Amino acid sequence: MNKEILEVFDNSYPGRDYTIEIVNPEFTSVCPKTGLPDFGTITITYVPDKTCIELKSLKYYFLEFRNSGIFYENITNRLLDDLVSVCMPKSMTVRTEWNARGGITETVTVAYSASQH
């Protein structure tokens, strides 16, 4: 997954805290054990600081995962690490909700706060 694909733009309101929520209900990756496709919903919620995530570049970044064998937990943490490193938000939460396979679903949530780092 190439985080260099990700682009940002200047936040026109850096002095105001506001929340941006981005939802991708069609995220796909591949199970590293079985090679079968995984389908999930990715929700990114963040309070921007100086920059915001550009959505077209985010869409192409998500496509980098399409044929990658990677566990749910690793996807969620990788998304947070890459997005935080690119846009340096005041706070960010990444939540991944995975469709059932074999009758089991999984949700993974990870958070970042600039005040804690």
PDB file of N, CA and C in Angstrom:
ATOM      1  N   MET A   1       0.848  -1.167   0.000  1.00  0.00           N
ATOM      2  CA  MET A   1       0.000   0.000   0.000  1.00  0.00           C
ATOM      3  C   MET A   1       0.900   1.238   0.000  1.00  0.00           C
ATOM      4  N   ASN A   2       0.657   2.082  -0.959  1.00  0.00           N
ATOM      5  CA  ASN A   2       1.517   3.234  -1.193  1.00  0.00           C
ATOM      6  C   ASN A   2       0.859   4.499  -0.634  1.00  0.00           C
ATOM      7  N   LYS A   3       1.290   4.927   0.543  1.00  0.00           N
ATOM      8  CA  LYS A   3       0.678   6.117   1.147  1.00  0.00           C
ATOM      9  C   LYS A   3       1.023   7.395   0.398  1.00  0.00           C
ATOM     10  N   GLU A   4       2.027   7.345  -0.492  1.00  0.00           N
ATOM     11  CA  GLU A   4       2.372   8.527  -1.278  1.00  0.00           C
ATOM     12  C   GLU A   4       1.244   8.931  -2.225  1.00  0.00           C
ATOM     13  N   ILE A   5       0.297   8.038  -2.454  1.00  0.00           N
ATOM     14  CA  ILE A   5      -0.886   8.337  -3.274  1.00  0.00           C
ATOM     15  C   ILE A   5      -1.746   9.394  -2.586  1.00  0.00           C
ATOM     16  N   LEU A   6      -1.737   9.386  -1.250  1.00  0.00           N
ATOM     17  CA  LEU A   6      -2.612  10.269  -0.481  1.00  0.00           C
ATOM     18  C   LEU A   6      -2.212  11.734  -0.639  1.00  0.00           C
ATOM     19  N   GLU A   7      -3.218  12.563  -0.867  1.00  0.00           N
ATOM     20  CA  GLU A   7      -3.017  14.003  -0.987  1.00  0.00           C
ATOM     21  C   GLU A   7      -3.841  14.720   0.070  1.00  0.00           C
ATOM     22  N   VAL A   8      -3.421  15.925   0.398  1.00  0.00           N
ATOM     23  CA  VAL A   8      -4.150  16.768   1.342  1.00  0.00           C
ATOM     24  C   VAL A   8      -4.330  18.152   0.729  1.00  0.00           C
ATOM     25  N   PHE A   9      -5.217  18.916   1.335  1.00  0.00           N
ATOM     26  CA  PHE A   9      -5.380  20.311   0.949  1.00  0.00           C
ATOM     27  C   PHE A   9      -5.464  21.143   2.215  1.00  0.00           C
ATOM     28  N   ASP A  10      -5.178  22.425   2.106  1.00  0.00           N
ATOM     29  CA  ASP A  10      -5.180  23.302   3.271  1.00  0.00           C
ATOM     30  C   ASP A  10      -6.560  23.408   3.893  1.00  0.00           C
ATOM     31  N   ASN A  11      -6.599  23.312   5.210  1.00  0.00           N
ATOM     32  CA  ASN A  11      -7.824  23.512   5.974  1.00  0.00           C
ATOM     33  C   ASN A  11      -8.070  25.024   6.053  1.00  0.00           C
ATOM     34  N   SER A  12      -9.167  25.470   5.514  1.00  0.00           N
ATOM     35  CA  SER A  12      -9.492  26.903   5.528  1.00  0.00           C
ATOM     36  C   SER A  12      -9.903  27.408   6.912  1.00  0.00           C
ATOM     37  N   TYR A  13     -10.175  26.485   7.847  1.00  0.00           N
ATOM     38  CA  TYR A  13     -10.627  26.862   9.184  1.00  0.00           C
ATOM     39  C   TYR A  13      -9.804  26.165  10.264  1.00  0.00           C
ATOM     40  N   PRO A  14      -8.490  26.351  10.272  1.00  0.00           N
ATOM     41  CA  PRO A  14      -7.648  25.630  11.235  1.00  0.00           C
ATOM     42  C   PRO A  14      -7.880  26.035  12.687  1.00  0.00           C
ATOM     43  N   GLY A  15      -8.447  27.197  12.924  1.00  0.00           N
ATOM     44  CA  GLY A  15      -8.718  27.648  14.281  1.00  0.00           C
ATOM     45  C   GLY A  15     -10.025  27.122  14.848  1.00  0.00           C
ATOM     46  N   ARG A  16     -10.786  26.402  14.057  1.00  0.00           N
ATOM     47  CA  ARG A  16     -12.089  25.884  14.484  1.00  0.00           C
ATOM     48  C   ARG A  16     -12.034  24.364  14.490  1.00  0.00           C
ATOM     49  N   ASP A  17     -12.436  23.754  15.589  1.00  0.00           N
ATOM     50  CA  ASP A  17     -12.538  22.295  15.632  1.00  0.00           C
ATOM     51  C   ASP A  17     -13.861  21.870  15.004  1.00  0.00           C
ATOM     52  N   TYR A  18     -13.770  21.022  14.009  1.00  0.00           N
ATOM     53  CA  TYR A  18     -14.954  20.423  13.393  1.00  0.00           C
ATOM     54  C   TYR A  18     -14.602  19.011  12.975  1.00  0.00           C
ATOM     55  N   THR A  19     -15.606  18.191  12.809  1.00  0.00           N
ATOM     56  CA  THR A  19     -15.399  16.772  12.547  1.00  0.00           C
ATOM     57  C   THR A  19     -15.733  16.432  11.105  1.00  0.00           C
ATOM     58  N   ILE A  20     -14.853  15.663  10.487  1.00  0.00           N
ATOM     59  CA  ILE A  20     -15.068  15.140   9.140  1.00  0.00           C
ATOM     60  C   ILE A  20     -15.234  13.633   9.271  1.00  0.00           C
ATOM     61  N   GLU A  21     -16.273  13.103   8.643  1.00  0.00           N
ATOM     62  CA  GLU A  21     -16.489  11.658   8.626  1.00  0.00           C
ATOM     63  C   GLU A  21     -16.503  11.185   7.186  1.00  0.00           C
ATOM     64  N   ILE A  22     -15.673  10.198   6.892  1.00  0.00           N
ATOM     65  CA  ILE A  22     -15.568   9.615   5.558  1.00  0.00           C
ATOM     66  C   ILE A  22     -15.954   8.153   5.677  1.00  0.00           C
ATOM     67  N   VAL A  23     -16.884   7.699   4.830  1.00  0.00           N
ATOM     68  CA  VAL A  23     -17.339   6.311   4.873  1.00  0.00           C
ATOM     69  C   VAL A  23     -17.135   5.668   3.512  1.00  0.00           C
ATOM     70  N   ASN A  24     -16.481   4.522   3.524  1.00  0.00           N
ATOM     71  CA  ASN A  24     -16.328   3.711   2.317  1.00  0.00           C
ATOM     72  C   ASN A  24     -17.032   2.381   2.576  1.00  0.00           C
ATOM     73  N   PRO A  25     -18.263   2.205   2.043  1.00  0.00           N
ATOM     74  CA  PRO A  25     -19.009   0.976   2.291  1.00  0.00           C
ATOM     75  C   PRO A  25     -18.629  -0.181   1.359  1.00  0.00           C
ATOM     76  N   GLU A  26     -17.631   0.024   0.507  1.00  0.00           N
ATOM     77  CA  GLU A  26     -17.278  -0.985  -0.497  1.00  0.00           C
ATOM     78  C   GLU A  26     -15.796  -1.349  -0.466  1.00  0.00           C
ATOM     79  N   PHE A  27     -15.187  -1.346   0.716  1.00  0.00           N
ATOM     80  CA  PHE A  27     -13.767  -1.666   0.842  1.00  0.00           C
ATOM     81  C   PHE A  27     -13.548  -3.158   0.608  1.00  0.00           C
ATOM     82  N   THR A  28     -12.508  -3.497  -0.130  1.00  0.00           N
ATOM     83  CA  THR A  28     -12.175  -4.903  -0.359  1.00  0.00           C
ATOM     84  C   THR A  28     -10.694  -5.150  -0.139  1.00  0.00           C
ATOM     85  N   SER A  29     -10.419  -6.330   0.371  1.00  0.00           N
ATOM     86  CA  SER A  29      -9.050  -6.820   0.527  1.00  0.00           C
ATOM     87  C   SER A  29      -9.116  -8.336   0.395  1.00  0.00           C
ATOM     88  N   VAL A  30      -8.023  -9.008   0.728  1.00  0.00           N
ATOM     89  CA  VAL A  30      -7.965 -10.459   0.589  1.00  0.00           C
ATOM     90  C   VAL A  30      -7.484 -11.064   1.901  1.00  0.00           C
ATOM     91  N   CYS A  31      -8.108 -12.155   2.310  1.00  0.00           N
ATOM     92  CA  CYS A  31      -7.672 -12.872   3.508  1.00  0.00           C
ATOM     93  C   CYS A  31      -6.298 -13.488   3.236  1.00  0.00           C
ATOM     94  N   PRO A  32      -5.304 -13.217   4.103  1.00  0.00           N
ATOM     95  CA  PRO A  32      -3.969 -13.758   3.860  1.00  0.00           C
ATOM     96  C   PRO A  32      -3.879 -15.272   4.066  1.00  0.00           C
ATOM     97  N   LYS A  33      -4.848 -15.855   4.762  1.00  0.00           N
ATOM     98  CA  LYS A  33      -4.841 -17.299   5.015  1.00  0.00           C
ATOM     99  C   LYS A  33      -5.496 -18.082   3.881  1.00  0.00           C
ATOM    100  N   THR A  34      -6.652 -17.588   3.413  1.00  0.00           N
ATOM    101  CA  THR A  34      -7.438 -18.357   2.433  1.00  0.00           C
ATOM    102  C   THR A  34      -7.340 -17.810   1.015  1.00  0.00           C
ATOM    103  N   GLY A  35      -6.960 -16.542   0.875  1.00  0.00           N
ATOM    104  CA  GLY A  35      -6.950 -15.915  -0.438  1.00  0.00           C
ATOM    105  C   GLY A  35      -8.328 -15.475  -0.896  1.00  0.00           C
ATOM    106  N   LEU A  36      -9.333 -15.648  -0.034  1.00  0.00           N
ATOM    107  CA  LEU A  36     -10.702 -15.243  -0.373  1.00  0.00           C
ATOM    108  C   LEU A  36     -10.877 -13.749  -0.145  1.00  0.00           C
ATOM    109  N   PRO A  37     -11.800 -13.139  -0.898  1.00  0.00           N
ATOM    110  CA  PRO A  37     -12.004 -11.691  -0.731  1.00  0.00           C
ATOM    111  C   PRO A  37     -12.699 -11.362   0.586  1.00  0.00           C
ATOM    112  N   ASP A  38     -12.320 -10.241   1.166  1.00  0.00           N
ATOM    113  CA  ASP A  38     -12.970  -9.687   2.350  1.00  0.00           C
ATOM    114  C   ASP A  38     -13.641  -8.386   1.947  1.00  0.00           C
ATOM    115  N   PHE A  39     -14.826  -8.157   2.496  1.00  0.00           N
ATOM    116  CA  PHE A  39     -15.596  -6.956   2.205  1.00  0.00           C
ATOM    117  C   PHE A  39     -15.932  -6.262   3.512  1.00  0.00           C
ATOM    118  N   GLY A  40     -15.766  -4.953   3.530  1.00  0.00           N
ATOM    119  CA  GLY A  40     -16.058  -4.231   4.752  1.00  0.00           C
ATOM    120  C   GLY A  40     -16.392  -2.780   4.516  1.00  0.00           C
ATOM    121  N   THR A  41     -16.785  -2.134   5.603  1.00  0.00           N
ATOM    122  CA  THR A  41     -17.065  -0.699   5.599  1.00  0.00           C
ATOM    123  C   THR A  41     -15.995  -0.018   6.442  1.00  0.00           C
ATOM    124  N   ILE A  42     -15.364   0.982   5.859  1.00  0.00           N
ATOM    125  CA  ILE A  42     -14.337   1.755   6.551  1.00  0.00           C
ATOM    126  C   ILE A  42     -14.938   3.117   6.899  1.00  0.00           C
ATOM    127  N   THR A  43     -14.841   3.506   8.169  1.00  0.00           N
ATOM    128  CA  THR A  43     -15.289   4.827   8.604  1.00  0.00           C
ATOM    129  C   THR A  43     -14.108   5.544   9.241  1.00  0.00           C
ATOM    130  N   ILE A  44     -13.781   6.690   8.676  1.00  0.00           N
ATOM    131  CA  ILE A  44     -12.700   7.535   9.189  1.00  0.00           C
ATOM    132  C   ILE A  44     -13.341   8.801   9.726  1.00  0.00           C
ATOM    133  N   THR A  45     -13.094   9.093  10.989  1.00  0.00           N
ATOM    134  CA  THR A  45     -13.619  10.299  11.619  1.00  0.00           C
ATOM    135  C   THR A  45     -12.433  11.073  12.164  1.00  0.00           C
ATOM    136  N   TYR A  46     -12.327  12.352  11.775  1.00  0.00           N
ATOM    137  CA  TYR A  46     -11.184  13.118  12.261  1.00  0.00           C
ATOM    138  C   TYR A  46     -11.499  14.592  12.418  1.00  0.00           C
ATOM    139  N   VAL A  47     -10.715  15.221  13.286  1.00  0.00           N
ATOM    140  CA  VAL A  47     -10.731  16.671  13.464  1.00  0.00           C
ATOM    141  C   VAL A  47      -9.452  17.171  12.812  1.00  0.00           C
ATOM    142  N   PRO A  48      -9.567  17.901  11.701  1.00  0.00           N
ATOM    143  CA  PRO A  48      -8.362  18.341  10.995  1.00  0.00           C
ATOM    144  C   PRO A  48      -7.626  19.433  11.760  1.00  0.00           C
ATOM    145  N   ASP A  49      -6.341  19.539  11.454  1.00  0.00           N
ATOM    146  CA  ASP A  49      -5.548  20.648  11.966  1.00  0.00           C
ATOM    147  C   ASP A  49      -5.266  21.583  10.800  1.00  0.00           C
ATOM    148  N   LYS A  50      -4.104  21.474  10.184  1.00  0.00           N
ATOM    149  CA  LYS A  50      -3.751  22.379   9.087  1.00  0.00           C
ATOM    150  C   LYS A  50      -4.194  21.874   7.715  1.00  0.00           C
ATOM    151  N   THR A  51      -4.416  20.547   7.592  1.00  0.00           N
ATOM    152  CA  THR A  51      -4.783  19.979   6.291  1.00  0.00           C
ATOM    153  C   THR A  51      -5.934  18.988   6.418  1.00  0.00           C
ATOM    154  N   CYS A  52      -6.577  18.746   5.271  1.00  0.00           N
ATOM    155  CA  CYS A  52      -7.668  17.777   5.161  1.00  0.00           C
ATOM    156  C   CYS A  52      -7.299  16.749   4.088  1.00  0.00           C
ATOM    157  N   ILE A  53      -7.869  15.572   4.193  1.00  0.00           N
ATOM    158  CA  ILE A  53      -7.603  14.501   3.233  1.00  0.00           C
ATOM    159  C   ILE A  53      -8.397  14.747   1.956  1.00  0.00           C
ATOM    160  N   GLU A  54      -7.728  14.652   0.825  1.00  0.00           N
ATOM    161  CA  GLU A  54      -8.376  14.799  -0.481  1.00  0.00           C
ATOM    162  C   GLU A  54      -8.999  13.450  -0.848  1.00  0.00           C
ATOM    163  N   LEU A  55     -10.302  13.448  -1.149  1.00  0.00           N
ATOM    164  CA  LEU A  55     -11.066  12.211  -1.278  1.00  0.00           C
ATOM    165  C   LEU A  55     -10.711  11.358  -2.497  1.00  0.00           C
ATOM    166  N   LYS A  56     -10.419  11.966  -3.629  1.00  0.00           N
ATOM    167  CA  LYS A  56     -10.076  11.168  -4.807  1.00  0.00           C
ATOM    168  C   LYS A  56      -8.805  10.364  -4.552  1.00  0.00           C
ATOM    169  N   SER A  57      -7.818  10.981  -3.944  1.00  0.00           N
ATOM    170  CA  SER A  57      -6.580  10.259  -3.641  1.00  0.00           C
ATOM    171  C   SER A  57      -6.837   9.157  -2.618  1.00  0.00           C
ATOM    172  N   LEU A  58      -7.747   9.399  -1.674  1.00  0.00           N
ATOM    173  CA  LEU A  58      -8.098   8.381  -0.688  1.00  0.00           C
ATOM    174  C   LEU A  58      -8.744   7.178  -1.370  1.00  0.00           C
ATOM    175  N   LYS A  59      -9.585   7.434  -2.341  1.00  0.00           N
ATOM    176  CA  LYS A  59     -10.225   6.341  -3.081  1.00  0.00           C
ATOM    177  C   LYS A  59      -9.171   5.465  -3.753  1.00  0.00           C
ATOM    178  N   TYR A  60      -8.181   6.074  -4.382  1.00  0.00           N
ATOM    179  CA  TYR A  60      -7.130   5.305  -5.039  1.00  0.00           C
ATOM    180  C   TYR A  60      -6.233   4.591  -4.023  1.00  0.00           C
ATOM    181  N   TYR A  61      -6.030   5.204  -2.885  1.00  0.00           N
ATOM    182  CA  TYR A  61      -5.277   4.552  -1.812  1.00  0.00           C
ATOM    183  C   TYR A  61      -6.020   3.300  -1.335  1.00  0.00           C
ATOM    184  N   PHE A  62      -7.336   3.412  -1.141  1.00  0.00           N
ATOM    185  CA  PHE A  62      -8.133   2.249  -0.738  1.00  0.00           C
ATOM    186  C   PHE A  62      -7.990   1.103  -1.747  1.00  0.00           C
ATOM    187  N   LEU A  63      -7.929   1.433  -3.032  1.00  0.00           N
ATOM    188  CA  LEU A  63      -7.810   0.396  -4.067  1.00  0.00           C
ATOM    189  C   LEU A  63      -6.501  -0.383  -3.954  1.00  0.00           C
ATOM    190  N   GLU A  64      -5.489   0.215  -3.321  1.00  0.00           N
ATOM    191  CA  GLU A  64      -4.214  -0.479  -3.113  1.00  0.00           C
ATOM    192  C   GLU A  64      -4.394  -1.756  -2.283  1.00  0.00           C
ATOM    193  N   PHE A  65      -5.436  -1.812  -1.460  1.00  0.00           N
ATOM    194  CA  PHE A  65      -5.690  -2.957  -0.587  1.00  0.00           C
ATOM    195  C   PHE A  65      -6.445  -4.081  -1.299  1.00  0.00           C
ATOM    196  N   ARG A  66      -7.015  -3.791  -2.442  1.00  0.00           N
ATOM    197  CA  ARG A  66      -7.937  -4.711  -3.116  1.00  0.00           C
ATOM    198  C   ARG A  66      -7.382  -6.118  -3.301  1.00  0.00           C
ATOM    199  N   ASN A  67      -6.137  -6.265  -3.693  1.00  0.00           N
ATOM    200  CA  ASN A  67      -5.555  -7.582  -3.938  1.00  0.00           C
ATOM    201  C   ASN A  67      -4.479  -7.944  -2.919  1.00  0.00           C
ATOM    202  N   SER A  68      -4.483  -7.234  -1.789  1.00  0.00           N
ATOM    203  CA  SER A  68      -3.460  -7.463  -0.768  1.00  0.00           C
ATOM    204  C   SER A  68      -3.976  -8.421   0.297  1.00  0.00           C
ATOM    205  N   GLY A  69      -3.168  -9.411   0.620  1.00  0.00           N
ATOM    206  CA  GLY A  69      -3.491 -10.320   1.709  1.00  0.00           C
ATOM    207  C   GLY A  69      -3.085  -9.696   3.028  1.00  0.00           C
ATOM    208  N   ILE A  70      -4.086  -9.270   3.811  1.00  0.00           N
ATOM    209  CA  ILE A  70      -3.797  -8.535   5.048  1.00  0.00           C
ATOM    210  C   ILE A  70      -4.943  -8.740   6.040  1.00  0.00           C
ATOM    211  N   PHE A  71      -4.601  -8.944   7.292  1.00  0.00           N
ATOM    212  CA  PHE A  71      -5.592  -9.154   8.335  1.00  0.00           C
ATOM    213  C   PHE A  71      -6.350  -7.860   8.653  1.00  0.00           C
ATOM    214  N   TYR A  72      -7.586  -8.006   9.133  1.00  0.00           N
ATOM    215  CA  TYR A  72      -8.440  -6.861   9.472  1.00  0.00           C
ATOM    216  C   TYR A  72      -7.737  -5.886  10.424  1.00  0.00           C
ATOM    217  N   GLU A  73      -7.121  -6.443  11.450  1.00  0.00           N
ATOM    218  CA  GLU A  73      -6.459  -5.609  12.463  1.00  0.00           C
ATOM    219  C   GLU A  73      -5.328  -4.797  11.846  1.00  0.00           C
ATOM    220  N   ASN A  74      -4.592  -5.429  10.940  1.00  0.00           N
ATOM    221  CA  ASN A  74      -3.484  -4.738  10.294  1.00  0.00           C
ATOM    222  C   ASN A  74      -3.969  -3.663   9.334  1.00  0.00           C
ATOM    223  N   ILE A  75      -5.059  -3.925   8.642  1.00  0.00           N
ATOM    224  CA  ILE A  75      -5.636  -2.905   7.756  1.00  0.00           C
ATOM    225  C   ILE A  75      -6.007  -1.668   8.569  1.00  0.00           C
ATOM    226  N   THR A  76      -6.719  -1.887   9.656  1.00  0.00           N
ATOM    227  CA  THR A  76      -7.220  -0.775  10.469  1.00  0.00           C
ATOM    228  C   THR A  76      -6.069   0.068  11.006  1.00  0.00           C
ATOM    229  N   ASN A  77      -5.060  -0.580  11.557  1.00  0.00           N
ATOM    230  CA  ASN A  77      -3.911   0.151  12.099  1.00  0.00           C
ATOM    231  C   ASN A  77      -3.086   0.807  11.007  1.00  0.00           C
ATOM    232  N   ARG A  78      -2.945   0.157   9.870  1.00  0.00           N
ATOM    233  CA  ARG A  78      -2.196   0.728   8.743  1.00  0.00           C
ATOM    234  C   ARG A  78      -2.888   1.987   8.224  1.00  0.00           C
ATOM    235  N   LEU A  79      -4.220   1.916   8.094  1.00  0.00           N
ATOM    236  CA  LEU A  79      -4.970   3.094   7.648  1.00  0.00           C
ATOM    237  C   LEU A  79      -4.722   4.266   8.589  1.00  0.00           C
ATOM    238  N   LEU A  80      -4.834   4.026   9.893  1.00  0.00           N
ATOM    239  CA  LEU A  80      -4.628   5.108  10.854  1.00  0.00           C
ATOM    240  C   LEU A  80      -3.214   5.670  10.742  1.00  0.00           C
ATOM    241  N   ASP A  81      -2.218   4.804  10.739  1.00  0.00           N
ATOM    242  CA  ASP A  81      -0.828   5.270  10.672  1.00  0.00           C
ATOM    243  C   ASP A  81      -0.566   6.101   9.421  1.00  0.00           C
ATOM    244  N   ASP A  82      -1.017   5.608   8.273  1.00  0.00           N
ATOM    245  CA  ASP A  82      -0.772   6.312   7.014  1.00  0.00           C
ATOM    246  C   ASP A  82      -1.513   7.641   6.959  1.00  0.00           C
ATOM    247  N   LEU A  83      -2.772   7.648   7.362  1.00  0.00           N
ATOM    248  CA  LEU A  83      -3.564   8.880   7.287  1.00  0.00           C
ATOM    249  C   LEU A  83      -3.063   9.936   8.273  1.00  0.00           C
ATOM    250  N   VAL A  84      -2.699   9.517   9.476  1.00  0.00           N
ATOM    251  CA  VAL A  84      -2.164  10.468  10.458  1.00  0.00           C
ATOM    252  C   VAL A  84      -0.852  11.053   9.956  1.00  0.00           C
ATOM    253  N   SER A  85       0.010  10.225   9.379  1.00  0.00           N
ATOM    254  CA  SER A  85       1.300  10.728   8.916  1.00  0.00           C
ATOM    255  C   SER A  85       1.161  11.721   7.768  1.00  0.00           C
ATOM    256  N   VAL A  86       0.101  11.597   6.987  1.00  0.00           N
ATOM    257  CA  VAL A  86      -0.095  12.482   5.838  1.00  0.00           C
ATOM    258  C   VAL A  86      -0.783  13.789   6.219  1.00  0.00           C
ATOM    259  N   CYS A  87      -1.817  13.726   7.081  1.00  0.00           N
ATOM    260  CA  CYS A  87      -2.574  14.963   7.341  1.00  0.00           C
ATOM    261  C   CYS A  87      -2.407  15.532   8.749  1.00  0.00           C
ATOM    262  N   MET A  88      -1.760  14.796   9.652  1.00  0.00           N
ATOM    263  CA  MET A  88      -1.502  15.275  11.016  1.00  0.00           C
ATOM    264  C   MET A  88      -2.733  15.943  11.657  1.00  0.00           C
ATOM    265  N   PRO A  89      -3.792  15.174  11.839  1.00  0.00           N
ATOM    266  CA  PRO A  89      -5.016  15.734  12.414  1.00  0.00           C
ATOM    267  C   PRO A  89      -4.881  15.969  13.919  1.00  0.00           C
ATOM    268  N   LYS A  90      -5.842  16.686  14.478  1.00  0.00           N
ATOM    269  CA  LYS A  90      -5.878  16.848  15.933  1.00  0.00           C
ATOM    270  C   LYS A  90      -6.285  15.532  16.583  1.00  0.00           C
ATOM    271  N   SER A  91      -7.189  14.811  15.919  1.00  0.00           N
ATOM    272  CA  SER A  91      -7.580  13.481  16.377  1.00  0.00           C
ATOM    273  C   SER A  91      -8.147  12.712  15.191  1.00  0.00           C
ATOM    274  N   MET A  92      -8.092  11.386  15.284  1.00  0.00           N
ATOM    275  CA  MET A  92      -8.630  10.548  14.218  1.00  0.00           C
ATOM    276  C   MET A  92      -9.016   9.187  14.783  1.00  0.00           C
ATOM    277  N   THR A  93     -10.127   8.658  14.287  1.00  0.00           N
ATOM    278  CA  THR A  93     -10.558   7.300  14.600  1.00  0.00           C
ATOM    279  C   THR A  93     -10.819   6.583  13.285  1.00  0.00           C
ATOM    280  N   VAL A  94     -10.331   5.357  13.194  1.00  0.00           N
ATOM    281  CA  VAL A  94     -10.613   4.510  12.042  1.00  0.00           C
ATOM    282  C   VAL A  94     -11.362   3.290  12.565  1.00  0.00           C
ATOM    283  N   ARG A  95     -12.516   3.043  11.968  1.00  0.00           N
ATOM    284  CA  ARG A  95     -13.355   1.896  12.347  1.00  0.00           C
ATOM    285  C   ARG A  95     -13.577   1.047  11.105  1.00  0.00           C
ATOM    286  N   THR A  96     -13.268  -0.242  11.205  1.00  0.00           N
ATOM    287  CA  THR A  96     -13.510  -1.155  10.095  1.00  0.00           C
ATOM    288  C   THR A  96     -14.526  -2.195  10.552  1.00  0.00           C
ATOM    289  N   GLU A  97     -15.569  -2.360   9.757  1.00  0.00           N
ATOM    290  CA  GLU A  97     -16.628  -3.326  10.043  1.00  0.00           C
ATOM    291  C   GLU A  97     -16.665  -4.326   8.896  1.00  0.00           C
ATOM    292  N   TRP A  98     -16.423  -5.597   9.215  1.00  0.00           N
ATOM    293  CA  TRP A  98     -16.234  -6.623   8.196  1.00  0.00           C
ATOM    294  C   TRP A  98     -17.464  -7.491   8.042  1.00  0.00           C
ATOM    295  N   ASN A  99     -17.831  -7.753   6.781  1.00  0.00           N
ATOM    296  CA  ASN A  99     -18.973  -8.604   6.479  1.00  0.00           C
ATOM    297  C   ASN A  99     -18.727 -10.013   7.004  1.00  0.00           C
ATOM    298  N   ALA A 100     -19.823 -10.713   7.272  1.00  0.00           N
ATOM    299  CA  ALA A 100     -19.731 -12.055   7.840  1.00  0.00           C
ATOM    300  C   ALA A 100     -19.056 -13.021   6.876  1.00  0.00           C
ATOM    301  N   ARG A 101     -18.212 -13.834   7.469  1.00  0.00           N
ATOM    302  CA  ARG A 101     -17.656 -14.985   6.762  1.00  0.00           C
ATOM    303  C   ARG A 101     -17.710 -16.142   7.744  1.00  0.00           C
ATOM    304  N   GLY A 102     -18.384 -17.219   7.344  1.00  0.00           N
ATOM    305  CA  GLY A 102     -18.550 -18.357   8.249  1.00  0.00           C
ATOM    306  C   GLY A 102     -19.381 -18.010   9.464  1.00  0.00           C
ATOM    307  N   GLY A 103     -20.269 -17.027   9.312  1.00  0.00           N
ATOM    308  CA  GLY A 103     -21.156 -16.640  10.407  1.00  0.00           C
ATOM    309  C   GLY A 103     -20.524 -15.717  11.433  1.00  0.00           C
ATOM    310  N   ILE A 104     -19.308 -15.248  11.187  1.00  0.00           N
ATOM    311  CA  ILE A 104     -18.614 -14.381  12.148  1.00  0.00           C
ATOM    312  C   ILE A 104     -18.326 -13.026  11.508  1.00  0.00           C
ATOM    313  N   THR A 105     -18.620 -11.960  12.255  1.00  0.00           N
ATOM    314  CA  THR A 105     -18.255 -10.619  11.820  1.00  0.00           C
ATOM    315  C   THR A 105     -17.194 -10.078  12.778  1.00  0.00           C
ATOM    316  N   GLU A 106     -16.514  -9.049  12.345  1.00  0.00           N
ATOM    317  CA  GLU A 106     -15.519  -8.408  13.199  1.00  0.00           C
ATOM    318  C   GLU A 106     -15.542  -6.914  12.950  1.00  0.00           C
ATOM    319  N   THR A 107     -15.357  -6.156  14.026  1.00  0.00           N
ATOM    320  CA  THR A 107     -15.207  -4.706  13.955  1.00  0.00           C
ATOM    321  C   THR A 107     -13.933  -4.347  14.695  1.00  0.00           C
ATOM    322  N   VAL A 108     -13.108  -3.509  14.064  1.00  0.00           N
ATOM    323  CA  VAL A 108     -11.854  -3.075  14.678  1.00  0.00           C
ATOM    324  C   VAL A 108     -11.851  -1.549  14.693  1.00  0.00           C
ATOM    325  N   THR A 109     -11.543  -0.966  15.852  1.00  0.00           N
ATOM    326  CA  THR A 109     -11.484   0.489  15.987  1.00  0.00           C
ATOM    327  C   THR A 109     -10.158   0.876  16.618  1.00  0.00           C
ATOM    328  N   VAL A 110      -9.536   1.897  16.024  1.00  0.00           N
ATOM    329  CA  VAL A 110      -8.271   2.406  16.543  1.00  0.00           C
ATOM    330  C   VAL A 110      -8.326   3.934  16.497  1.00  0.00           C
ATOM    331  N   ALA A 111      -7.695   4.579  17.468  1.00  0.00           N
ATOM    332  CA  ALA A 111      -7.790   6.032  17.578  1.00  0.00           C
ATOM    333  C   ALA A 111      -6.426   6.677  17.806  1.00  0.00           C
ATOM    334  N   TYR A 112      -6.349   7.934  17.390  1.00  0.00           N
ATOM    335  CA  TYR A 112      -5.153   8.759  17.562  1.00  0.00           C
ATOM    336  C   TYR A 112      -5.595  10.118  18.087  1.00  0.00           C
ATOM    337  N   SER A 113      -4.802  10.673  19.002  1.00  0.00           N
ATOM    338  CA  SER A 113      -5.031  12.030  19.482  1.00  0.00           C
ATOM    339  C   SER A 113      -3.685  12.736  19.566  1.00  0.00           C
ATOM    340  N   ALA A 114      -3.583  13.891  18.909  1.00  0.00           N
ATOM    341  CA  ALA A 114      -2.337  14.658  18.918  1.00  0.00           C
ATOM    342  C   ALA A 114      -1.945  15.050  20.334  1.00  0.00           C
ATOM    343  N   SER A 115      -2.928  15.261  21.189  1.00  0.00           N
ATOM    344  CA  SER A 115      -2.638  15.678  22.557  1.00  0.00           C
ATOM    345  C   SER A 115      -2.002  14.568  23.384  1.00  0.00           C
ATOM    346  N   GLN A 116      -2.094  13.330  22.929  1.00  0.00           N
ATOM    347  CA  GLN A 116      -1.508  12.205  23.644  1.00  0.00           C
ATOM    348  C   GLN A 116      -0.152  11.810  23.063  1.00  0.00           C
ATOM    349  N   HIS A 117       0.273  12.470  21.999  1.00  0.00           N
ATOM    350  CA  HIS A 117       1.543  12.116  21.367  1.00  0.00           C
ATOM    351  C   HIS A 117       2.543  13.244  21.433  1.00  0.00           C
TER     352      HIS A 117
END
